[in-house]
Amino acid sequence: MRITRRLAMAGLVGAPLTRARAQDWPTRPVRFVVPYPPGGPTDILGRVVAQRLAVELGQPMVVENRAGASGVIGSEVVARAAPDGATFLMNASIHLIIPHLNKAMPFDAVADFTPVTNMAMVPLVAVVNPALPVRSIAELIAYLKANPGKVSYASSGNASALHLAGEMFKLMTGTDMVHVPYRGAGPAIQDLLAGNIQLMFDSIPSSAAAVRGGLLRPLAVTTASRVAAYPELPTVAEAGVPGFEIATWYAIWAPPRTPAPMVARLQQAVAAAVAVPEVRERLAVLGADPVVDTPAEFAEFCVREYARWGKLVRDAQVRLD
């Protein structure tokens, strides 16, 4: 009985102490794992937000690139990390797509993470190497039908939103293209610029500089309405594929069982960071719209997105290449 009472007292005392430590967080540098190589949209956006978080939280925010297996390798690092506020995951919507294609996942993409918040929503843009003789979605469809299987499209990795955008396009237009997955959008863009591949449904941030420099030709955006970054571009739906709509988003997760006060404080810091005019301007240049939700709202969003992406994978009969 004495031991039981002591354990009970320890529990009563320990809970407030845990909350106190969480409320004091952070007291040391914080690591954000980006599960892709440098230069891709997740990396670019993550670094913009992390740089301001260092100011908001008063500690260094270290972005660590751990690429491989369509984001699985870096994500597993976070899923297995201690829930002490030292490690977080910055990932894109692929986090909830890959489980529908990879049945040997080393973690549960929903249950093994603590949702923190969305950071930004980014439309995709269909871009082609200028050597491809098309200047519109209608011309692209006609070219693909005249040359089945001869055009390659790139993605930032199997199961990414960029991959699914291409598969959705094939499904809805009755065309045939070859998917070429890369270890991140950065390497994919380099091969697109070199002409080794011809087409990409890319997140606006990673191809923005190449488009501005005339090195890539944009055809249309993939959202339901036109976007501020490319006001002159039609949507894919406007350009002849009714109902086509897809975008990607970027968010933060913590390891499972991370204390709620730490999660809440980070979410509040992200909200403060993306409200800073300089940060909003940098995100706007990248074509990103800030999106900040509470941990509870983001958790519900993840459940809905998991179901939505699963349906698309089944309808388009997407397979890992």
Protein backbone atom coordinates (compact mmCIF):
# COMPACT_ATOMS: atom_id res chain seq x y z
CA MET A 1 0.00 0.00 0.00
CA ARG A 2 2.82 2.38 0.87
CA ILE A 3 4.44 1.76 -2.52
CA THR A 4 1.14 2.30 -4.31
CA ARG A 5 0.58 5.59 -2.45
CA ARG A 6 4.06 6.79 -3.34
CA LEU A 7 3.52 5.94 -6.99
CA ALA A 8 0.23 7.78 -6.92
CA MET A 9 1.84 10.83 -5.38
CA ALA A 10 4.60 10.68 -7.96
CA GLY A 11 1.97 10.70 -10.68
CA LEU A 12 0.20 13.69 -9.19
CA VAL A 13 3.42 15.63 -8.87
CA GLY A 14 4.88 14.45 -12.18
CA ALA A 15 1.99 15.67 -14.36
CA PRO A 16 2.30 19.34 -13.30
CA LEU A 17 6.08 19.13 -13.67
CA THR A 18 5.67 17.75 -17.23
CA ARG A 19 3.30 20.59 -18.07
CA ALA A 20 5.69 23.13 -16.60
CA ARG A 21 8.58 21.83 -18.67
CA ALA A 22 6.40 21.88 -21.79
CA GLN A 23 5.34 25.47 -21.14
CA ASP A 24 8.99 26.49 -20.80
CA TRP A 25 9.77 24.90 -24.17
CA PRO A 26 12.05 25.37 -26.04
CA THR A 27 15.18 25.54 -23.95
CA ARG A 28 17.54 24.22 -26.64
CA PRO A 29 17.81 24.10 -30.48
CA VAL A 30 14.90 22.46 -32.29
CA ARG A 31 15.36 20.13 -35.26
CA PHE A 32 12.92 20.09 -38.17
CA VAL A 33 13.36 17.04 -40.38
CA VAL A 34 12.56 17.64 -44.07
CA PRO A 35 12.45 14.20 -45.71
CA TYR A 36 13.66 15.41 -49.13
CA PRO A 37 16.85 16.88 -50.61
CA PRO A 38 17.57 20.62 -50.42
CA GLY A 39 15.96 22.82 -53.07
CA GLY A 40 12.51 21.28 -53.27
CA PRO A 41 9.31 23.05 -52.21
CA THR A 42 9.11 21.42 -48.77
CA ASP A 43 12.69 22.47 -48.08
CA ILE A 44 12.20 26.01 -49.39
CA LEU A 45 8.97 26.66 -47.49
CA GLY A 46 10.22 24.92 -44.38
CA ARG A 47 13.32 27.10 -44.21
CA VAL A 48 11.32 30.31 -44.68
CA VAL A 49 9.07 29.41 -41.74
CA ALA A 50 11.88 27.97 -39.59
CA GLN A 51 13.95 31.12 -39.95
CA ARG A 52 11.14 33.20 -38.44
CA LEU A 53 10.34 30.57 -35.80
CA ALA A 54 13.84 31.08 -34.42
CA VAL A 55 12.85 34.68 -33.70
CA GLU A 56 9.44 33.77 -32.28
CA LEU A 57 10.76 31.00 -30.00
CA GLY A 58 14.19 32.35 -29.11
CA GLN A 59 16.11 29.21 -30.05
CA PRO A 60 17.91 28.04 -33.22
CA MET A 61 15.65 26.12 -35.63
CA VAL A 62 17.76 23.58 -37.51
CA VAL A 63 16.41 22.17 -40.79
CA GLU A 64 17.82 18.71 -41.48
CA ASN A 65 17.34 17.03 -44.87
CA ARG A 66 16.85 13.25 -44.60
CA ALA A 67 15.82 12.15 -48.09
CA GLY A 68 14.77 8.76 -49.39
CA ALA A 69 11.85 6.42 -50.09
CA SER A 70 9.37 9.19 -50.98
CA GLY A 71 9.81 10.83 -47.59
CA VAL A 72 9.52 7.64 -45.54
CA ILE A 73 13.11 7.62 -44.25
CA GLY A 74 13.00 11.11 -42.77
CA SER A 75 9.46 10.68 -41.47
CA GLU A 76 10.44 7.51 -39.63
CA VAL A 77 13.16 9.46 -37.82
CA VAL A 78 10.44 11.66 -36.33
CA ALA A 79 8.01 8.81 -35.66
CA ARG A 80 10.71 7.15 -33.52
CA ALA A 81 12.01 10.35 -31.90
CA ALA A 82 11.55 11.14 -28.22
CA PRO A 83 8.47 13.31 -27.54
CA ASP A 84 10.58 15.99 -25.90
CA GLY A 85 10.11 18.89 -28.33
CA ALA A 86 13.54 18.49 -29.88
CA THR A 87 12.42 16.97 -33.20
CA PHE A 88 9.56 17.74 -35.59
CA LEU A 89 8.60 16.76 -39.14
CA MET A 90 8.04 19.22 -41.97
CA ASN A 91 6.36 17.32 -44.79
CA ALA A 92 3.90 17.71 -47.63
CA SER A 93 0.63 15.99 -48.47
CA ILE A 94 2.60 12.93 -49.61
CA HIS A 95 2.74 12.01 -45.92
CA LEU A 96 -0.89 10.88 -46.20
CA ILE A 97 -0.61 9.51 -49.75
CA ILE A 98 2.29 7.08 -49.55
CA PRO A 99 0.53 4.69 -47.11
CA HIS A 100 -2.05 3.90 -49.80
CA LEU A 101 0.71 2.67 -52.10
CA ASN A 102 3.33 1.25 -49.78
CA LYS A 103 1.90 -1.59 -47.71
CA ALA A 104 5.22 -2.10 -45.89
CA MET A 105 5.28 1.27 -44.15
CA PRO A 106 7.45 1.26 -41.00
CA PHE A 107 4.96 3.55 -39.24
CA ASP A 108 1.32 4.60 -39.25
CA ALA A 109 1.15 8.01 -40.94
CA VAL A 110 -1.77 9.08 -38.76
CA ALA A 111 -1.41 7.26 -35.43
CA ASP A 112 2.39 7.56 -35.09
CA PHE A 113 2.48 11.37 -35.32
CA THR A 114 1.05 14.28 -33.39
CA PRO A 115 -0.49 16.87 -35.76
CA VAL A 116 0.72 20.41 -35.09
CA THR A 117 -0.46 22.68 -37.92
CA ASN A 118 -0.58 23.36 -41.62
CA MET A 119 1.90 25.96 -42.85
CA ALA A 120 0.84 26.67 -46.43
CA MET A 121 -1.22 25.48 -49.35
CA VAL A 122 0.43 25.57 -52.78
CA PRO A 123 -1.18 25.13 -56.20
CA LEU A 124 0.60 23.05 -58.80
CA VAL A 125 1.46 24.32 -62.25
CA ALA A 126 1.89 22.27 -65.42
CA VAL A 127 5.29 23.22 -66.83
CA VAL A 128 7.06 21.89 -69.91
CA ASN A 129 10.52 22.13 -71.37
CA PRO A 130 10.27 24.71 -74.20
CA ALA A 131 11.51 22.07 -76.64
CA LEU A 132 8.14 20.33 -76.33
CA PRO A 133 6.00 21.90 -79.09
CA VAL A 134 2.96 22.76 -76.97
CA ARG A 135 1.74 26.05 -75.56
CA SER A 136 -1.57 25.07 -73.98
CA ILE A 137 -3.28 22.17 -72.24
CA ALA A 138 -5.30 21.48 -75.40
CA GLU A 139 -2.09 21.25 -77.45
CA LEU A 140 -0.53 19.03 -74.78
CA ILE A 141 -3.47 16.61 -74.88
CA ALA A 142 -3.35 16.49 -78.67
CA TYR A 143 0.41 15.87 -78.63
CA LEU A 144 0.11 13.10 -76.04
CA LYS A 145 -2.62 11.36 -78.02
CA ALA A 146 -0.50 11.57 -81.16
CA ASN A 147 2.57 10.29 -79.28
CA PRO A 148 1.34 7.76 -76.68
CA GLY A 149 4.01 6.72 -74.19
CA LYS A 150 6.64 9.00 -75.69
CA VAL A 151 6.43 11.87 -73.21
CA SER A 152 7.89 11.55 -69.72
CA TYR A 153 6.61 13.48 -66.75
CA ALA A 154 8.56 13.96 -63.55
CA SER A 155 7.54 14.03 -59.92
CA SER A 156 9.26 14.65 -56.61
CA GLY A 157 8.80 10.99 -55.77
CA ASN A 158 6.39 8.10 -55.89
CA ALA A 159 3.06 8.93 -54.27
CA SER A 160 3.70 12.67 -54.13
CA ALA A 161 0.92 15.07 -55.11
CA LEU A 162 3.02 15.81 -58.20
CA HIS A 163 2.87 12.12 -59.12
CA LEU A 164 -0.87 11.89 -58.54
CA ALA A 165 -1.49 15.05 -60.56
CA GLY A 166 0.07 13.35 -63.58
CA GLU A 167 -1.93 10.16 -63.03
CA MET A 168 -5.13 12.15 -62.61
CA PHE A 169 -4.36 13.99 -65.85
CA LYS A 170 -3.84 10.71 -67.71
CA LEU A 171 -7.06 9.28 -66.29
CA MET A 172 -9.19 12.30 -67.13
CA THR A 173 -7.77 12.91 -70.63
CA GLY A 174 -7.31 9.34 -71.84
CA THR A 175 -3.62 9.95 -72.54
CA ASP A 176 -0.48 7.94 -71.85
CA MET A 177 2.73 9.29 -70.32
CA VAL A 178 5.70 7.72 -68.56
CA HIS A 179 6.16 8.64 -64.91
CA VAL A 180 9.75 9.29 -63.78
CA PRO A 181 10.04 9.69 -59.98
CA TYR A 182 12.93 11.63 -58.43
CA ARG A 183 14.25 12.03 -54.90
CA GLY A 184 12.70 15.46 -54.52
CA ALA A 185 11.50 18.26 -56.78
CA GLY A 186 14.96 19.84 -57.04
CA PRO A 187 16.56 16.98 -59.02
CA ALA A 188 13.40 16.63 -61.11
CA ILE A 189 13.51 20.28 -62.13
CA GLN A 190 17.16 19.92 -63.13
CA ASP A 191 16.33 17.07 -65.50
CA LEU A 192 13.33 18.98 -66.85
CA LEU A 193 15.59 21.96 -67.58
CA ALA A 194 18.10 19.64 -69.26
CA GLY A 195 15.40 18.18 -71.49
CA ASN A 196 15.74 14.65 -70.14
CA ILE A 197 12.04 14.78 -69.32
CA GLN A 198 9.38 16.95 -70.93
CA LEU A 199 6.64 17.71 -68.42
CA MET A 200 6.01 18.23 -64.73
CA PHE A 201 3.07 19.14 -62.53
CA ASP A 202 5.20 21.08 -60.10
CA SER A 203 4.61 23.03 -56.93
CA ILE A 204 4.87 26.69 -57.84
CA PRO A 205 7.82 27.41 -55.49
CA SER A 206 10.38 25.04 -56.97
CA SER A 207 9.88 26.03 -60.63
CA ALA A 208 9.15 29.74 -60.09
CA ALA A 209 12.67 30.96 -60.86
CA ALA A 210 12.95 28.85 -64.02
CA VAL A 211 9.57 30.08 -65.24
CA ARG A 212 10.52 33.72 -64.57
CA GLY A 213 13.75 33.16 -66.50
CA GLY A 214 11.95 31.67 -69.50
CA LEU A 215 13.64 28.32 -69.03
CA LEU A 216 10.33 26.50 -68.50
CA ARG A 217 6.95 27.14 -70.11
CA PRO A 218 3.88 27.15 -67.80
CA LEU A 219 0.63 25.89 -69.30
CA ALA A 220 -1.99 25.98 -66.53
CA VAL A 221 -2.52 25.80 -62.77
CA THR A 222 -4.23 22.86 -61.13
CA THR A 223 -6.52 24.63 -58.65
CA ALA A 224 -10.23 25.37 -59.06
CA SER A 225 -9.51 29.07 -59.67
CA ARG A 226 -6.60 31.08 -61.02
CA VAL A 227 -3.77 32.04 -58.69
CA ALA A 228 -2.08 35.35 -57.94
CA ALA A 229 1.37 34.03 -58.87
CA TYR A 230 0.24 33.37 -62.47
CA PRO A 231 -2.90 35.46 -63.04
CA GLU A 232 -2.64 35.06 -66.81
CA LEU A 233 -2.65 31.26 -66.70
CA PRO A 234 -5.93 29.35 -66.98
CA THR A 235 -6.73 26.46 -64.70
CA VAL A 236 -6.46 22.95 -66.16
CA ALA A 237 -10.25 22.74 -65.83
CA GLU A 238 -10.70 26.00 -67.79
CA ALA A 239 -8.27 24.75 -70.41
CA GLY A 240 -10.33 21.70 -71.29
CA VAL A 241 -10.30 19.16 -68.46
CA PRO A 242 -13.47 19.89 -66.42
CA GLY A 243 -13.27 18.81 -62.79
CA PHE A 244 -9.49 18.63 -62.65
CA GLU A 245 -8.34 20.01 -59.31
CA ILE A 246 -5.36 19.14 -57.15
CA ALA A 247 -2.95 21.01 -54.88
CA THR A 248 -0.35 20.22 -52.30
CA TRP A 249 0.10 21.45 -48.75
CA TYR A 250 2.92 21.63 -46.23
CA ALA A 251 2.61 20.97 -42.53
CA ILE A 252 4.30 20.12 -39.24
CA TRP A 253 3.94 16.98 -37.14
CA ALA A 254 5.52 16.00 -33.82
CA PRO A 255 6.44 12.54 -32.54
CA PRO A 256 3.61 10.64 -30.84
CA ARG A 257 2.87 11.58 -27.22
CA THR A 258 4.48 15.01 -27.51
CA PRO A 259 3.01 17.12 -24.67
CA ALA A 260 0.06 19.26 -25.74
CA PRO A 261 1.56 22.52 -24.36
CA MET A 262 4.63 22.09 -26.61
CA VAL A 263 2.41 21.39 -29.62
CA ALA A 264 0.22 24.40 -28.83
CA ARG A 265 3.19 26.71 -28.41
CA LEU A 266 4.71 25.66 -31.73
CA GLN A 267 1.38 26.10 -33.50
CA GLN A 268 1.04 29.60 -32.04
CA ALA A 269 4.59 30.42 -33.11
CA VAL A 270 3.87 29.26 -36.67
CA ALA A 271 0.73 31.40 -36.73
CA ALA A 272 2.77 34.40 -35.57
CA ALA A 273 5.54 33.64 -38.07
CA VAL A 274 3.33 33.52 -41.17
CA ALA A 275 1.54 36.70 -40.05
CA VAL A 276 4.79 38.68 -40.36
CA PRO A 277 4.58 40.77 -43.59
CA GLU A 278 8.09 39.81 -44.69
CA VAL A 279 7.29 36.09 -44.34
CA ARG A 280 3.96 36.46 -46.15
CA GLU A 281 5.74 38.28 -48.98
CA ARG A 282 8.34 35.53 -49.29
CA LEU A 283 5.61 32.89 -49.33
CA ALA A 284 3.64 34.85 -51.93
CA VAL A 285 6.66 34.97 -54.23
CA LEU A 286 6.76 31.19 -53.94
CA GLY A 287 3.07 30.92 -54.78
CA ALA A 288 2.19 29.72 -51.28
CA ASP A 289 -0.88 30.76 -49.30
CA PRO A 290 -0.34 30.64 -45.51
CA VAL A 291 -2.69 28.22 -43.78
CA VAL A 292 -2.59 28.00 -40.00
CA ASP A 293 -5.01 25.76 -38.13
CA THR A 294 -5.11 24.55 -34.55
CA PRO A 295 -3.74 21.11 -33.69
CA ALA A 296 -7.31 19.79 -33.36
CA GLU A 297 -8.36 21.27 -36.71
CA PHE A 298 -5.25 19.91 -38.39
CA ALA A 299 -5.87 16.46 -36.92
CA GLU A 300 -9.36 16.42 -38.46
CA PHE A 301 -7.95 17.72 -41.75
CA CYS A 302 -5.44 14.84 -41.82
CA VAL A 303 -8.22 12.27 -41.42
CA ARG A 304 -10.18 13.79 -44.32
CA GLU A 305 -7.12 14.08 -46.55
CA TYR A 306 -6.09 10.50 -45.86
CA ALA A 307 -9.48 9.31 -47.14
CA ARG A 308 -9.46 11.67 -50.15
CA TRP A 309 -6.02 10.65 -51.38
CA GLY A 310 -6.88 6.99 -50.89
CA LYS A 311 -9.89 7.34 -53.19
CA LEU A 312 -7.78 9.02 -55.89
CA VAL A 313 -5.15 6.27 -55.69
CA ARG A 314 -7.85 3.62 -56.15
CA ASP A 315 -9.74 5.45 -58.92
CA ALA A 316 -6.60 6.18 -60.93
CA GLN A 317 -5.17 2.73 -60.15
CA VAL A 318 -1.88 4.34 -59.17
CA ARG A 319 1.04 1.99 -58.62
CA LEU A 320 4.54 2.62 -57.39
CA ASP A 321 7.00 2.69 -60.29
